[in-house]
Amino acid sequence: MARFGRLHLGNGTRNGRTIIPLEWAGKRAAPHGRGGVFDDGCEHIRPAPRAVRKVEMWFNITMSDTISIREAVMALLQIVQRLRSAFPPKKFTLDGRLVGDIGEILVEAEYDLTLFEKLERQHDGKTQNGRLVQIKATMQKSLTFPADHIPNYYIGIQVHPDGSFSEVFNGPGAVVAESLRNRKAPKTNLHSVSVRALAALDTKVDAKDRIRRRCEASLPPTPPTRPV
């Protein structure tokens, strides 16, 4: 969608090559800003919608073939800040699947594990010695833990605005599950556990029960960038 939008703003061209006719692109998406006009393609000229005025700037972002996680996180947070300014009081919180995927890439790059190529229900990756690992990430103050099963091993991290992260918990899932045994399973089957509580549980994990970092295991680092 973003690339299609850039074609409109670029008068139908991409890298000097015409993709859609200039007349069509110009009619459908004439440049405009605050107080501008918007051609809806039905011979009606009206003030540009606020959403169009606010988001058109993002279509001008140059997209490369590769991007690092740090670059991606900082770019996403810049967009979030613009959205918050444009549409108060909405928060546009970064969470859910997006942050989860970012966390998995960060953990794979740092720890002795390889992510599964296909989505698995209970675990996200496996170490060289066969330990199955579930990975959870947050940019807020809590992480989720499954209520319907106990992961073999669990790594929880907190991702920071600069794309770095802090380890919150690294150890057997049973340690976390034991602390939640008296909780009623929520409808989502995901317990919400504060970062502070998980960090306290992490202090009880023996070194031998942690997933090793690559620097400790003398493993080569994973590539810092991946095709987008």
C-alpha atoms as a PDB file:
ATOM      1  CA  MET A   1       0.000   0.000   0.000  1.00  0.00           C
ATOM      2  CA  ALA A   2       2.823   2.398   0.850  1.00  0.00           C
ATOM      3  CA  ARG A   3       4.515   1.727  -2.477  1.00  0.00           C
ATOM      4  CA  PHE A   4       1.260   2.338  -4.336  1.00  0.00           C
ATOM      5  CA  GLY A   5       0.904   5.609  -2.445  1.00  0.00           C
ATOM      6  CA  ARG A   6       4.436   6.642  -3.399  1.00  0.00           C
ATOM      7  CA  LEU A   7       3.564   6.045  -7.051  1.00  0.00           C
ATOM      8  CA  HIS A   8       0.747   8.565  -6.717  1.00  0.00           C
ATOM      9  CA  LEU A   9       2.969  11.127  -5.027  1.00  0.00           C
ATOM     10  CA  GLY A  10       5.700  10.532  -7.602  1.00  0.00           C
ATOM     11  CA  ASN A  11       3.322  11.235 -10.480  1.00  0.00           C
ATOM     12  CA  GLY A  12       3.293   7.591 -11.464  1.00  0.00           C
ATOM     13  CA  THR A  13       7.066   7.085 -11.619  1.00  0.00           C
ATOM     14  CA  ARG A  14       9.489   4.943  -9.615  1.00  0.00           C
ATOM     15  CA  ASN A  15      13.260   5.350  -9.950  1.00  0.00           C
ATOM     16  CA  GLY A  16      12.759   7.312 -13.157  1.00  0.00           C
ATOM     17  CA  ARG A  17      10.517   4.675 -14.741  1.00  0.00           C
ATOM     18  CA  THR A  18       6.827   5.315 -15.468  1.00  0.00           C
ATOM     19  CA  ILE A  19       4.638   2.725 -13.771  1.00  0.00           C
ATOM     20  CA  ILE A  20       1.192   4.304 -14.171  1.00  0.00           C
ATOM     21  CA  PRO A  21       0.159   7.082 -16.587  1.00  0.00           C
ATOM     22  CA  LEU A  22       0.938  10.607 -15.404  1.00  0.00           C
ATOM     23  CA  GLU A  23      -2.575  11.824 -16.230  1.00  0.00           C
ATOM     24  CA  TRP A  24      -4.191   9.124 -14.100  1.00  0.00           C
ATOM     25  CA  ALA A  25      -1.814   9.567 -11.162  1.00  0.00           C
ATOM     26  CA  GLY A  26      -2.141  13.350 -11.238  1.00  0.00           C
ATOM     27  CA  LYS A  27      -5.919  13.242 -11.341  1.00  0.00           C
ATOM     28  CA  ARG A  28      -6.287  10.667  -8.599  1.00  0.00           C
ATOM     29  CA  ALA A  29      -3.742  12.012  -6.149  1.00  0.00           C
ATOM     30  CA  ALA A  30      -2.788  15.620  -6.765  1.00  0.00           C
ATOM     31  CA  PRO A  31      -0.353  16.881  -4.085  1.00  0.00           C
ATOM     32  CA  HIS A  32      -2.007  18.751  -1.262  1.00  0.00           C
ATOM     33  CA  GLY A  33      -1.363  19.814   2.314  1.00  0.00           C
ATOM     34  CA  ARG A  34      -3.236  21.655   4.996  1.00  0.00           C
ATOM     35  CA  GLY A  35      -6.032  23.576   3.415  1.00  0.00           C
ATOM     36  CA  GLY A  36      -5.416  21.740   0.110  1.00  0.00           C
ATOM     37  CA  VAL A  37      -7.961  20.085  -2.125  1.00  0.00           C
ATOM     38  CA  PHE A  38      -8.638  16.450  -2.834  1.00  0.00           C
ATOM     39  CA  ASP A  39      -9.853  15.037  -6.168  1.00  0.00           C
ATOM     40  CA  ASP A  40     -11.900  11.957  -5.377  1.00  0.00           C
ATOM     41  CA  GLY A  41     -11.986  10.886  -9.044  1.00  0.00           C
ATOM     42  CA  CYS A  42     -15.720  11.588  -9.347  1.00  0.00           C
ATOM     43  CA  GLU A  43     -15.440  15.183 -10.580  1.00  0.00           C
ATOM     44  CA  HIS A  44     -15.858  16.400  -6.989  1.00  0.00           C
ATOM     45  CA  ILE A  45     -13.278  18.790  -5.584  1.00  0.00           C
ATOM     46  CA  ARG A  46     -13.399  19.016  -1.806  1.00  0.00           C
ATOM     47  CA  PRO A  47     -11.058  19.773   1.133  1.00  0.00           C
ATOM     48  CA  ALA A  48      -8.449  17.050   1.638  1.00  0.00           C
ATOM     49  CA  PRO A  49      -9.430  14.599   4.393  1.00  0.00           C
ATOM     50  CA  ARG A  50      -7.393  14.986   7.559  1.00  0.00           C
ATOM     51  CA  ALA A  51      -6.093  11.417   7.322  1.00  0.00           C
ATOM     52  CA  VAL A  52      -4.806  12.010   3.778  1.00  0.00           C
ATOM     53  CA  ARG A  53      -3.127  15.292   4.748  1.00  0.00           C
ATOM     54  CA  LYS A  54      -1.440  13.745   7.752  1.00  0.00           C
ATOM     55  CA  VAL A  55      -0.139  10.486   6.309  1.00  0.00           C
ATOM     56  CA  GLU A  56       1.014  11.505   2.839  1.00  0.00           C
ATOM     57  CA  MET A  57       4.442  12.453   4.222  1.00  0.00           C
ATOM     58  CA  TRP A  58       5.131   8.791   5.047  1.00  0.00           C
ATOM     59  CA  PHE A  59       4.842   7.725   1.414  1.00  0.00           C
ATOM     60  CA  ASN A  60       8.024   9.663   0.681  1.00  0.00           C
ATOM     61  CA  ILE A  61      10.150   7.430   2.939  1.00  0.00           C
ATOM     62  CA  THR A  62      12.802   5.678   0.857  1.00  0.00           C
ATOM     63  CA  MET A  63      12.520   1.907   1.185  1.00  0.00           C
ATOM     64  CA  SER A  64      15.698  -0.154   0.894  1.00  0.00           C
ATOM     65  CA  ASP A  65      15.963  -3.913   0.350  1.00  0.00           C
ATOM     66  CA  THR A  66      17.321  -4.501   3.856  1.00  0.00           C
ATOM     67  CA  ILE A  67      16.728  -2.940   7.240  1.00  0.00           C
ATOM     68  CA  SER A  68      18.133  -3.589  10.693  1.00  0.00           C
ATOM     69  CA  ILE A  69      15.861  -4.145  13.673  1.00  0.00           C
ATOM     70  CA  ARG A  70      17.150  -0.968  15.316  1.00  0.00           C
ATOM     71  CA  GLU A  71      16.350   1.069  12.194  1.00  0.00           C
ATOM     72  CA  ALA A  72      12.910  -0.512  12.004  1.00  0.00           C
ATOM     73  CA  VAL A  73      12.036   0.160  15.643  1.00  0.00           C
ATOM     74  CA  MET A  74      13.143   3.785  15.487  1.00  0.00           C
ATOM     75  CA  ALA A  75      11.225   4.335  12.231  1.00  0.00           C
ATOM     76  CA  LEU A  76       8.096   2.752  13.710  1.00  0.00           C
ATOM     77  CA  LEU A  77       8.305   4.932  16.822  1.00  0.00           C
ATOM     78  CA  GLN A  78       8.683   8.052  14.679  1.00  0.00           C
ATOM     79  CA  ILE A  79       5.497   7.094  12.857  1.00  0.00           C
ATOM     80  CA  VAL A  80       3.738   6.414  16.169  1.00  0.00           C
ATOM     81  CA  GLN A  81       4.727   9.848  17.447  1.00  0.00           C
ATOM     82  CA  ARG A  82       3.369  11.505  14.307  1.00  0.00           C
ATOM     83  CA  LEU A  83       0.145   9.549  14.578  1.00  0.00           C
ATOM     84  CA  ARG A  84      -0.254  10.603  18.208  1.00  0.00           C
ATOM     85  CA  SER A  85       0.268  14.252  17.241  1.00  0.00           C
ATOM     86  CA  ALA A  86      -2.133  13.988  14.323  1.00  0.00           C
ATOM     87  CA  PHE A  87      -4.914  12.059  16.028  1.00  0.00           C
ATOM     88  CA  PRO A  88      -5.028  12.764  19.770  1.00  0.00           C
ATOM     89  CA  PRO A  89      -5.924  11.178  22.162  1.00  0.00           C
ATOM     90  CA  LYS A  90      -5.186   7.854  20.410  1.00  0.00           C
ATOM     91  CA  LYS A  91      -2.021   6.141  21.671  1.00  0.00           C
ATOM     92  CA  PHE A  92      -1.157   3.919  18.656  1.00  0.00           C
ATOM     93  CA  THR A  93       0.707   1.570  21.004  1.00  0.00           C
ATOM     94  CA  LEU A  94       3.209  -0.783  19.416  1.00  0.00           C
ATOM     95  CA  ASP A  95       2.342  -4.245  20.693  1.00  0.00           C
ATOM     96  CA  GLY A  96       0.957  -7.579  19.631  1.00  0.00           C
ATOM     97  CA  ARG A  97       2.345  -9.569  16.720  1.00  0.00           C
ATOM     98  CA  LEU A  98       4.593  -6.788  15.413  1.00  0.00           C
ATOM     99  CA  VAL A  99       6.596  -6.395  18.616  1.00  0.00           C
ATOM    100  CA  GLY A 100       6.561 -10.177  19.063  1.00  0.00           C
ATOM    101  CA  ASP A 101       8.206 -10.701  15.682  1.00  0.00           C
ATOM    102  CA  ILE A 102      10.774  -7.986  16.399  1.00  0.00           C
ATOM    103  CA  GLY A 103      11.570  -9.689  19.698  1.00  0.00           C
ATOM    104  CA  GLU A 104      12.069 -13.068  18.055  1.00  0.00           C
ATOM    105  CA  ILE A 105      14.618 -11.643  15.602  1.00  0.00           C
ATOM    106  CA  LEU A 106      16.481  -9.850  18.393  1.00  0.00           C
ATOM    107  CA  VAL A 107      16.621 -13.007  20.514  1.00  0.00           C
ATOM    108  CA  GLU A 108      17.757 -15.215  17.640  1.00  0.00           C
ATOM    109  CA  ALA A 109      20.603 -12.793  16.921  1.00  0.00           C
ATOM    110  CA  GLU A 110      21.748 -12.773  20.556  1.00  0.00           C
ATOM    111  CA  TYR A 111      21.099 -16.294  21.860  1.00  0.00           C
ATOM    112  CA  ASP A 112      22.059 -19.875  21.043  1.00  0.00           C
ATOM    113  CA  LEU A 113      18.865 -20.735  19.188  1.00  0.00           C
ATOM    114  CA  THR A 114      17.386 -20.876  15.723  1.00  0.00           C
ATOM    115  CA  LEU A 115      13.814 -19.797  14.990  1.00  0.00           C
ATOM    116  CA  PHE A 116      11.474 -22.293  13.383  1.00  0.00           C
ATOM    117  CA  GLU A 117      10.745 -21.549   9.749  1.00  0.00           C
ATOM    118  CA  LYS A 118       7.044 -22.234  10.236  1.00  0.00           C
ATOM    119  CA  LEU A 119       4.808 -20.955  13.011  1.00  0.00           C
ATOM    120  CA  GLU A 120       4.676 -23.405  15.913  1.00  0.00           C
ATOM    121  CA  ARG A 121       1.949 -23.259  18.552  1.00  0.00           C
ATOM    122  CA  GLN A 122       3.982 -23.576  21.760  1.00  0.00           C
ATOM    123  CA  HIS A 123       7.585 -22.714  20.920  1.00  0.00           C
ATOM    124  CA  ASP A 124       9.383 -20.319  18.601  1.00  0.00           C
ATOM    125  CA  GLY A 125      12.827 -21.874  18.286  1.00  0.00           C
ATOM    126  CA  LYS A 126      15.321 -24.531  19.351  1.00  0.00           C
ATOM    127  CA  THR A 127      18.856 -24.430  20.739  1.00  0.00           C
ATOM    128  CA  GLN A 128      21.753 -26.521  19.449  1.00  0.00           C
ATOM    129  CA  ASN A 129      21.255 -29.009  22.284  1.00  0.00           C
ATOM    130  CA  GLY A 130      17.520 -29.391  21.616  1.00  0.00           C
ATOM    131  CA  ARG A 131      15.964 -27.039  24.154  1.00  0.00           C
ATOM    132  CA  LEU A 132      12.634 -25.681  22.909  1.00  0.00           C
ATOM    133  CA  VAL A 133      12.186 -21.974  23.571  1.00  0.00           C
ATOM    134  CA  GLN A 134       9.190 -19.667  23.623  1.00  0.00           C
ATOM    135  CA  ILE A 135       9.989 -15.970  23.113  1.00  0.00           C
ATOM    136  CA  LYS A 136       7.907 -13.035  24.297  1.00  0.00           C
ATOM    137  CA  ALA A 137       8.661  -9.338  23.831  1.00  0.00           C
ATOM    138  CA  THR A 138       7.114  -6.090  24.977  1.00  0.00           C
ATOM    139  CA  MET A 139       7.657  -2.361  24.729  1.00  0.00           C
ATOM    140  CA  GLN A 140       5.385  -1.840  27.728  1.00  0.00           C
ATOM    141  CA  LYS A 141       5.555  -2.949  31.383  1.00  0.00           C
ATOM    142  CA  SER A 142       4.251  -6.495  31.137  1.00  0.00           C
ATOM    143  CA  LEU A 143       4.742  -9.703  29.173  1.00  0.00           C
ATOM    144  CA  THR A 144       2.375 -12.551  28.384  1.00  0.00           C
ATOM    145  CA  PHE A 145       2.752 -16.157  29.526  1.00  0.00           C
ATOM    146  CA  PRO A 146       0.563 -19.022  28.254  1.00  0.00           C
ATOM    147  CA  ALA A 147      -2.144 -20.386  30.526  1.00  0.00           C
ATOM    148  CA  ASP A 148      -2.882 -23.541  28.487  1.00  0.00           C
ATOM    149  CA  HIS A 149       0.639 -25.024  28.412  1.00  0.00           C
ATOM    150  CA  ILE A 150       4.086 -24.661  29.959  1.00  0.00           C
ATOM    151  CA  PRO A 151       6.895 -23.840  27.533  1.00  0.00           C
ATOM    152  CA  ASN A 152      10.081 -25.861  27.876  1.00  0.00           C
ATOM    153  CA  TYR A 153      12.102 -22.658  28.143  1.00  0.00           C
ATOM    154  CA  TYR A 154      10.921 -19.056  28.139  1.00  0.00           C
ATOM    155  CA  ILE A 155      12.795 -15.894  27.196  1.00  0.00           C
ATOM    156  CA  GLY A 156      11.054 -12.588  27.864  1.00  0.00           C
ATOM    157  CA  ILE A 157      12.592  -9.302  26.750  1.00  0.00           C
ATOM    158  CA  GLN A 158      11.741  -5.605  26.902  1.00  0.00           C
ATOM    159  CA  VAL A 159      12.472  -3.747  23.661  1.00  0.00           C
ATOM    160  CA  HIS A 160      13.664  -0.160  24.017  1.00  0.00           C
ATOM    161  CA  PRO A 161      12.957   2.832  21.724  1.00  0.00           C
ATOM    162  CA  ASP A 162      16.471   2.694  20.235  1.00  0.00           C
ATOM    163  CA  GLY A 163      15.968  -0.912  19.093  1.00  0.00           C
ATOM    164  CA  SER A 164      18.053  -2.459  21.874  1.00  0.00           C
ATOM    165  CA  PHE A 165      16.543  -4.732  24.514  1.00  0.00           C
ATOM    166  CA  SER A 166      16.860  -5.926  28.104  1.00  0.00           C
ATOM    167  CA  GLU A 167      16.499  -9.531  29.191  1.00  0.00           C
ATOM    168  CA  VAL A 168      13.620  -9.836  31.661  1.00  0.00           C
ATOM    169  CA  PHE A 169      13.448 -13.601  32.128  1.00  0.00           C
ATOM    170  CA  ASN A 170      15.543 -16.460  30.765  1.00  0.00           C
ATOM    171  CA  GLY A 171      14.916 -19.951  32.074  1.00  0.00           C
ATOM    172  CA  PRO A 172      12.533 -22.896  32.368  1.00  0.00           C
ATOM    173  CA  GLY A 173       8.892 -22.048  31.752  1.00  0.00           C
ATOM    174  CA  ALA A 174       8.020 -24.083  34.830  1.00  0.00           C
ATOM    175  CA  VAL A 175       9.494 -21.364  37.059  1.00  0.00           C
ATOM    176  CA  VAL A 176       6.988 -18.815  35.754  1.00  0.00           C
ATOM    177  CA  ALA A 177       4.124 -21.316  35.630  1.00  0.00           C
ATOM    178  CA  GLU A 178       4.624 -22.180  39.302  1.00  0.00           C
ATOM    179  CA  SER A 179       4.240 -18.519  40.279  1.00  0.00           C
ATOM    180  CA  LEU A 180       0.931 -18.361  38.398  1.00  0.00           C
ATOM    181  CA  ARG A 181      -0.588 -21.650  39.557  1.00  0.00           C
ATOM    182  CA  ASN A 182      -3.294 -19.954  41.643  1.00  0.00           C
ATOM    183  CA  ARG A 183      -4.380 -17.620  38.877  1.00  0.00           C
ATOM    184  CA  LYS A 184      -7.519 -18.355  36.910  1.00  0.00           C
ATOM    185  CA  ALA A 185      -6.853 -18.832  33.214  1.00  0.00           C
ATOM    186  CA  PRO A 186      -8.048 -15.777  31.256  1.00  0.00           C
ATOM    187  CA  LYS A 187     -10.237 -16.127  28.173  1.00  0.00           C
ATOM    188  CA  THR A 188      -7.259 -15.305  25.979  1.00  0.00           C
ATOM    189  CA  ASN A 189      -5.246 -18.125  27.591  1.00  0.00           C
ATOM    190  CA  LEU A 190      -2.468 -15.602  28.134  1.00  0.00           C
ATOM    191  CA  HIS A 191      -1.512 -14.391  31.580  1.00  0.00           C
ATOM    192  CA  SER A 192      -0.216 -10.824  31.835  1.00  0.00           C
ATOM    193  CA  VAL A 193       2.856 -10.728  34.067  1.00  0.00           C
ATOM    194  CA  SER A 194       4.644  -7.524  34.990  1.00  0.00           C
ATOM    195  CA  VAL A 195       8.229  -7.006  33.902  1.00  0.00           C
ATOM    196  CA  ARG A 196       9.129  -6.429  37.543  1.00  0.00           C
ATOM    197  CA  ALA A 197       7.623  -9.751  38.658  1.00  0.00           C
ATOM    198  CA  LEU A 198       9.365 -11.693  35.906  1.00  0.00           C
ATOM    199  CA  ALA A 199      12.683 -10.013  36.679  1.00  0.00           C
ATOM    200  CA  ALA A 200      12.307 -11.132  40.306  1.00  0.00           C
ATOM    201  CA  LEU A 201      11.645 -14.721  39.188  1.00  0.00           C
ATOM    202  CA  ASP A 202      14.682 -14.560  36.918  1.00  0.00           C
ATOM    203  CA  THR A 203      16.959 -14.188  39.934  1.00  0.00           C
ATOM    204  CA  LYS A 204      15.940 -17.707  40.999  1.00  0.00           C
ATOM    205  CA  VAL A 205      17.151 -19.356  37.777  1.00  0.00           C
ATOM    206  CA  ASP A 206      20.467 -21.233  37.878  1.00  0.00           C
ATOM    207  CA  ALA A 207      23.044 -20.414  35.220  1.00  0.00           C
ATOM    208  CA  LYS A 208      22.872 -23.960  33.833  1.00  0.00           C
ATOM    209  CA  ASP A 209      19.131 -23.524  33.218  1.00  0.00           C
ATOM    210  CA  ARG A 210      19.502 -20.419  31.064  1.00  0.00           C
ATOM    211  CA  ILE A 211      19.670 -20.238  27.286  1.00  0.00           C
ATOM    212  CA  ARG A 212      23.236 -19.254  26.466  1.00  0.00           C
ATOM    213  CA  ARG A 213      24.066 -16.132  24.531  1.00  0.00           C
ATOM    214  CA  ARG A 214      25.986 -16.597  21.302  1.00  0.00           C
ATOM    215  CA  CYS A 215      29.067 -14.946  22.752  1.00  0.00           C
ATOM    216  CA  GLU A 216      29.065 -17.552  25.542  1.00  0.00           C
ATOM    217  CA  ALA A 217      28.490 -20.446  23.166  1.00  0.00           C
ATOM    218  CA  SER A 218      31.144 -19.257  20.670  1.00  0.00           C
ATOM    219  CA  LEU A 219      28.539 -19.149  17.918  1.00  0.00           C
ATOM    220  CA  PRO A 220      28.663 -16.914  14.855  1.00  0.00           C
ATOM    221  CA  PRO A 221      26.208 -14.010  15.020  1.00  0.00           C
ATOM    222  CA  THR A 222      23.168 -14.050  12.785  1.00  0.00           C
ATOM    223  CA  PRO A 223      23.099 -11.418  10.004  1.00  0.00           C
ATOM    224  CA  PRO A 224      22.196  -7.955  11.393  1.00  0.00           C
ATOM    225  CA  THR A 225      19.831  -7.242   8.502  1.00  0.00           C
ATOM    226  CA  ARG A 226      17.263  -9.288   6.631  1.00  0.00           C
ATOM    227  CA  PRO A 227      15.446  -8.783   3.337  1.00  0.00           C
ATOM    228  CA  VAL A 228      12.158  -6.924   3.704  1.00  0.00           C
END
